[in-house]
């Protein structure tokens, strides 16, 4: 090897120190918003209305009920109480669609209902609840008679 090559290798192996900058990170402060005035709200007392929801009364049905036949239903309140609440829930005869009726009955009530299979629930307010089942599948009158302790259903 030549002396020049030897000199180059030795200089490479013993490299002269270089001036390197040390890396120090100094985060910049984040700006803060100036303080704002705090406003305290004092509630003004007002009268609060107490809402009492009214129970549903009438007919509620889902789906297309057209084409379903109807028959007459008579409900008689013979409980001696001023009124009863009667609820019919069931399925229509032809289309098997859900149907729901609810009425408050004082003396008697005549109502057209869809042909169907029904569960009957009678509430004698403050006293008891009675249940029964029936089918309405005729135009002639079906009668539900409610006494203090029983439900009697007579139909065609």
C-alpha atoms as a PDB file:
ATOM      1  CA  UNK A   1       0.000   0.000   0.000  1.00  0.00           C
ATOM      2  CA  UNK A   2       1.138   3.451  -0.708  1.00  0.00           C
ATOM      3  CA  UNK A   3       1.807   5.957   1.940  1.00  0.00           C
ATOM      4  CA  UNK A   4      -0.893   8.169   0.599  1.00  0.00           C
ATOM      5  CA  UNK A   5      -3.489   5.434   0.949  1.00  0.00           C
ATOM      6  CA  UNK A   6      -2.307   4.659   4.468  1.00  0.00           C
ATOM      7  CA  UNK A   7      -2.587   8.306   5.411  1.00  0.00           C
ATOM      8  CA  UNK A   8      -6.138   8.514   4.068  1.00  0.00           C
ATOM      9  CA  UNK A   9      -7.238   5.427   6.013  1.00  0.00           C
ATOM     10  CA  UNK A  10      -5.743   6.723   9.234  1.00  0.00           C
ATOM     11  CA  UNK A  11      -7.403  10.095   8.819  1.00  0.00           C
ATOM     12  CA  UNK A  12     -10.726   8.380   8.204  1.00  0.00           C
ATOM     13  CA  UNK A  13     -10.376   6.226  11.305  1.00  0.00           C
ATOM     14  CA  UNK A  14      -9.470   9.128  13.532  1.00  0.00           C
ATOM     15  CA  UNK A  15     -11.914  11.662  12.260  1.00  0.00           C
ATOM     16  CA  UNK A  16     -11.619  15.079  13.556  1.00  0.00           C
ATOM     17  CA  UNK A  17     -14.369  16.139  15.908  1.00  0.00           C
ATOM     18  CA  UNK A  18     -16.984  18.394  14.359  1.00  0.00           C
ATOM     19  CA  UNK A  19     -18.999  21.062  16.024  1.00  0.00           C
ATOM     20  CA  UNK A  20     -22.606  19.738  16.278  1.00  0.00           C
ATOM     21  CA  UNK A  21     -25.457  21.654  17.750  1.00  0.00           C
ATOM     22  CA  UNK A  22     -27.217  20.057  20.670  1.00  0.00           C
ATOM     23  CA  UNK A  23     -30.899  19.690  20.030  1.00  0.00           C
ATOM     24  CA  UNK A  24     -32.941  21.102  22.878  1.00  0.00           C
ATOM     25  CA  UNK A  25     -36.646  21.640  22.340  1.00  0.00           C
ATOM     26  CA  UNK A  26     -38.243  24.538  24.115  1.00  0.00           C
ATOM     27  CA  UNK A  27     -42.032  24.570  23.707  1.00  0.00           C
ATOM     28  CA  UNK A  28     -43.622  27.891  23.082  1.00  0.00           C
ATOM     29  CA  UNK A  29     -46.181  28.951  25.668  1.00  0.00           C
ATOM     30  CA  UNK A  30     -49.798  28.638  24.575  1.00  0.00           C
ATOM     31  CA  UNK A  31     -51.806  31.807  24.731  1.00  0.00           C
ATOM     32  CA  UNK A  32     -54.515  31.913  27.396  1.00  0.00           C
ATOM     33  CA  UNK A  33     -57.784  33.725  27.027  1.00  0.00           C
ATOM     34  CA  UNK A  34     -58.344  36.645  29.304  1.00  0.00           C
ATOM     35  CA  UNK A  35     -60.732  35.929  32.197  1.00  0.00           C
ATOM     36  CA  UNK A  36     -64.399  36.603  31.441  1.00  0.00           C
ATOM     37  CA  UNK A  37     -67.083  37.826  33.763  1.00  0.00           C
ATOM     38  CA  UNK A  38     -69.300  35.113  35.294  1.00  0.00           C
ATOM     39  CA  UNK A  39     -73.035  35.759  35.313  1.00  0.00           C
ATOM     40  CA  UNK A  40     -75.154  33.918  37.839  1.00  0.00           C
ATOM     41  CA  UNK A  41     -78.759  33.309  36.846  1.00  0.00           C
ATOM     42  CA  UNK A  42     -81.340  33.285  39.562  1.00  0.00           C
ATOM     43  CA  UNK A  43     -84.361  31.125  38.686  1.00  0.00           C
ATOM     44  CA  UNK A  44     -87.684  32.879  38.865  1.00  0.00           C
ATOM     45  CA  UNK A  45     -90.235  30.743  40.683  1.00  0.00           C
ATOM     46  CA  UNK A  46     -93.232  29.902  38.536  1.00  0.00           C
ATOM     47  CA  UNK A  47     -96.292  27.789  39.032  1.00  0.00           C
ATOM     48  CA  UNK A  48     -95.817  24.258  37.756  1.00  0.00           C
ATOM     49  CA  UNK A  49     -98.772  22.635  36.095  1.00  0.00           C
ATOM     50  CA  UNK A  50     -99.300  19.007  37.010  1.00  0.00           C
ATOM     51  CA  UNK A  51    -100.289  17.075  33.925  1.00  0.00           C
ATOM     52  CA  UNK A  52    -102.482  14.041  34.323  1.00  0.00           C
ATOM     53  CA  UNK A  53    -102.502  11.965  31.158  1.00  0.00           C
ATOM     54  CA  UNK A  54    -105.911  10.895  29.981  1.00  0.00           C
ATOM     55  CA  UNK A  55    -106.233   7.156  29.355  1.00  0.00           C
ATOM     56  CA  UNK A  56    -106.820   6.061  25.794  1.00  0.00           C
ATOM     57  CA  UNK A  57    -110.469   5.484  24.902  1.00  0.00           C
ATOM     58  CA  UNK A  58    -111.698   4.301  21.509  1.00  0.00           C
ATOM     59  CA  UNK A  59    -110.228   2.091  18.775  1.00  0.00           C
ATOM     60  CA  UNK A  60    -106.616   1.547  17.796  1.00  0.00           C
ATOM     61  CA  UNK A  61    -105.728  -0.743  14.907  1.00  0.00           C
ATOM     62  CA  UNK A  62    -102.645  -1.491  12.838  1.00  0.00           C
ATOM     63  CA  UNK A  63    -102.432  -2.282   9.163  1.00  0.00           C
ATOM     64  CA  UNK A  64    -105.069  -2.112   6.482  1.00  0.00           C
ATOM     65  CA  UNK A  65    -108.345  -3.047   8.180  1.00  0.00           C
ATOM     66  CA  UNK A  66    -110.411  -2.624   5.016  1.00  0.00           C
ATOM     67  CA  UNK A  67    -112.481  -5.649   4.123  1.00  0.00           C
ATOM     68  CA  UNK A  68    -112.836  -6.755   7.757  1.00  0.00           C
ATOM     69  CA  UNK A  69    -116.480  -7.371   8.690  1.00  0.00           C
ATOM     70  CA  UNK A  70    -118.053  -5.871  11.794  1.00  0.00           C
ATOM     71  CA  UNK A  71    -120.604  -7.049  14.313  1.00  0.00           C
ATOM     72  CA  UNK A  72    -122.594  -5.359  17.078  1.00  0.00           C
ATOM     73  CA  UNK A  73    -121.342  -5.543  20.676  1.00  0.00           C
ATOM     74  CA  UNK A  74    -123.416  -4.543  23.702  1.00  0.00           C
ATOM     75  CA  UNK A  75    -121.662  -3.988  27.030  1.00  0.00           C
ATOM     76  CA  UNK A  76    -123.751  -3.759  30.206  1.00  0.00           C
ATOM     77  CA  UNK A  77    -122.474  -2.392  33.511  1.00  0.00           C
ATOM     78  CA  UNK A  78    -124.390  -4.193  36.277  1.00  0.00           C
ATOM     79  CA  UNK A  79    -121.727  -3.732  38.957  1.00  0.00           C
ATOM     80  CA  UNK A  80    -123.541  -1.052  40.940  1.00  0.00           C
ATOM     81  CA  UNK A  81    -120.499   1.183  40.408  1.00  0.00           C
ATOM     82  CA  UNK A  82    -120.799   4.490  38.522  1.00  0.00           C
ATOM     83  CA  UNK A  83    -118.637   3.197  35.664  1.00  0.00           C
ATOM     84  CA  UNK A  84    -116.340   0.422  34.482  1.00  0.00           C
ATOM     85  CA  UNK A  85    -113.450   0.459  32.034  1.00  0.00           C
ATOM     86  CA  UNK A  86    -113.522  -2.327  29.454  1.00  0.00           C
ATOM     87  CA  UNK A  87    -110.650  -3.139  27.120  1.00  0.00           C
ATOM     88  CA  UNK A  88    -110.721  -5.551  24.174  1.00  0.00           C
ATOM     89  CA  UNK A  89    -107.447  -6.553  22.560  1.00  0.00           C
ATOM     90  CA  UNK A  90    -107.072  -9.174  19.888  1.00  0.00           C
ATOM     91  CA  UNK A  91    -106.654 -10.092  16.240  1.00  0.00           C
ATOM     92  CA  UNK A  92    -109.019  -9.507  13.344  1.00  0.00           C
ATOM     93  CA  UNK A  93    -110.715 -12.528  11.807  1.00  0.00           C
ATOM     94  CA  UNK A  94    -109.520 -12.423   8.172  1.00  0.00           C
ATOM     95  CA  UNK A  95    -106.142 -10.705   8.190  1.00  0.00           C
ATOM     96  CA  UNK A  96    -105.016 -11.512  11.733  1.00  0.00           C
ATOM     97  CA  UNK A  97    -104.130  -7.854  12.362  1.00  0.00           C
ATOM     98  CA  UNK A  98    -103.892  -6.462  15.915  1.00  0.00           C
ATOM     99  CA  UNK A  99    -106.839  -4.432  17.171  1.00  0.00           C
ATOM    100  CA  UNK A 100    -107.498  -2.648  20.454  1.00  0.00           C
ATOM    101  CA  UNK A 101    -110.649  -1.062  21.907  1.00  0.00           C
ATOM    102  CA  UNK A 102    -111.166   0.672  25.240  1.00  0.00           C
ATOM    103  CA  UNK A 103    -114.272   2.346  26.655  1.00  0.00           C
ATOM    104  CA  UNK A 104    -115.616   3.734  29.886  1.00  0.00           C
ATOM    105  CA  UNK A 105    -119.135   2.320  30.368  1.00  0.00           C
ATOM    106  CA  UNK A 106    -121.677   3.840  32.746  1.00  0.00           C
ATOM    107  CA  UNK A 107    -124.940   1.966  32.030  1.00  0.00           C
ATOM    108  CA  UNK A 108    -124.604   0.214  28.684  1.00  0.00           C
ATOM    109  CA  UNK A 109    -122.775   0.763  25.408  1.00  0.00           C
ATOM    110  CA  UNK A 110    -123.544  -0.358  21.852  1.00  0.00           C
ATOM    111  CA  UNK A 111    -120.495  -0.504  19.612  1.00  0.00           C
ATOM    112  CA  UNK A 112    -119.576  -2.009  16.232  1.00  0.00           C
ATOM    113  CA  UNK A 113    -116.354  -4.044  16.402  1.00  0.00           C
ATOM    114  CA  UNK A 114    -114.328  -5.984  13.836  1.00  0.00           C
ATOM    115  CA  UNK A 115    -114.796  -9.746  13.609  1.00  0.00           C
ATOM    116  CA  UNK A 116    -111.988 -11.260  15.607  1.00  0.00           C
ATOM    117  CA  UNK A 117    -110.624 -13.066  18.631  1.00  0.00           C
ATOM    118  CA  UNK A 118    -110.577 -10.911  21.769  1.00  0.00           C
ATOM    119  CA  UNK A 119    -109.194 -10.854  25.287  1.00  0.00           C
ATOM    120  CA  UNK A 120    -111.473  -8.834  27.560  1.00  0.00           C
ATOM    121  CA  UNK A 121    -110.233  -6.925  30.604  1.00  0.00           C
ATOM    122  CA  UNK A 122    -112.751  -5.117  32.810  1.00  0.00           C
ATOM    123  CA  UNK A 123    -111.575  -2.766  35.510  1.00  0.00           C
ATOM    124  CA  UNK A 124    -113.995  -1.901  38.277  1.00  0.00           C
ATOM    125  CA  UNK A 125    -112.086   1.146  39.580  1.00  0.00           C
ATOM    126  CA  UNK A 126    -110.879   0.750  43.127  1.00  0.00           C
ATOM    127  CA  UNK A 127    -112.374  -2.738  43.380  1.00  0.00           C
ATOM    128  CA  UNK A 128    -111.138  -5.477  41.043  1.00  0.00           C
ATOM    129  CA  UNK A 129    -110.157  -6.501  37.521  1.00  0.00           C
ATOM    130  CA  UNK A 130    -111.944  -9.278  35.618  1.00  0.00           C
ATOM    131  CA  UNK A 131    -110.833 -11.069  32.434  1.00  0.00           C
ATOM    132  CA  UNK A 132    -112.457 -13.233  29.741  1.00  0.00           C
ATOM    133  CA  UNK A 133    -112.103 -14.264  26.060  1.00  0.00           C
ATOM    134  CA  UNK A 134    -114.551 -14.365  23.160  1.00  0.00           C
ATOM    135  CA  UNK A 135    -114.891 -14.367  19.366  1.00  0.00           C
ATOM    136  CA  UNK A 136    -116.950 -11.914  17.357  1.00  0.00           C
ATOM    137  CA  UNK A 137    -117.743 -13.561  14.021  1.00  0.00           C
ATOM    138  CA  UNK A 138    -121.379 -12.662  13.376  1.00  0.00           C
ATOM    139  CA  UNK A 139    -123.297  -9.461  12.595  1.00  0.00           C
ATOM    140  CA  UNK A 140    -125.823 -10.277  15.312  1.00  0.00           C
ATOM    141  CA  UNK A 141    -125.363  -8.728  18.717  1.00  0.00           C
ATOM    142  CA  UNK A 142    -122.918 -10.169  21.237  1.00  0.00           C
ATOM    143  CA  UNK A 143    -123.596  -9.032  24.812  1.00  0.00           C
ATOM    144  CA  UNK A 144    -121.015  -8.690  27.579  1.00  0.00           C
ATOM    145  CA  UNK A 145    -122.661  -8.303  30.987  1.00  0.00           C
ATOM    146  CA  UNK A 146    -120.349  -7.257  33.807  1.00  0.00           C
ATOM    147  CA  UNK A 147    -121.408  -7.842  37.396  1.00  0.00           C
ATOM    148  CA  UNK A 148    -119.354  -7.175  40.533  1.00  0.00           C
ATOM    149  CA  UNK A 149    -117.637 -10.592  40.424  1.00  0.00           C
ATOM    150  CA  UNK A 150    -118.081 -11.966  36.899  1.00  0.00           C
ATOM    151  CA  UNK A 151    -118.254 -11.397  33.167  1.00  0.00           C
ATOM    152  CA  UNK A 152    -121.016 -13.118  31.182  1.00  0.00           C
ATOM    153  CA  UNK A 153    -120.750 -13.233  27.381  1.00  0.00           C
ATOM    154  CA  UNK A 154    -123.793 -14.211  25.304  1.00  0.00           C
ATOM    155  CA  UNK A 155    -123.719 -14.163  21.538  1.00  0.00           C
ATOM    156  CA  UNK A 156    -125.134 -15.649  18.421  1.00  0.00           C
END
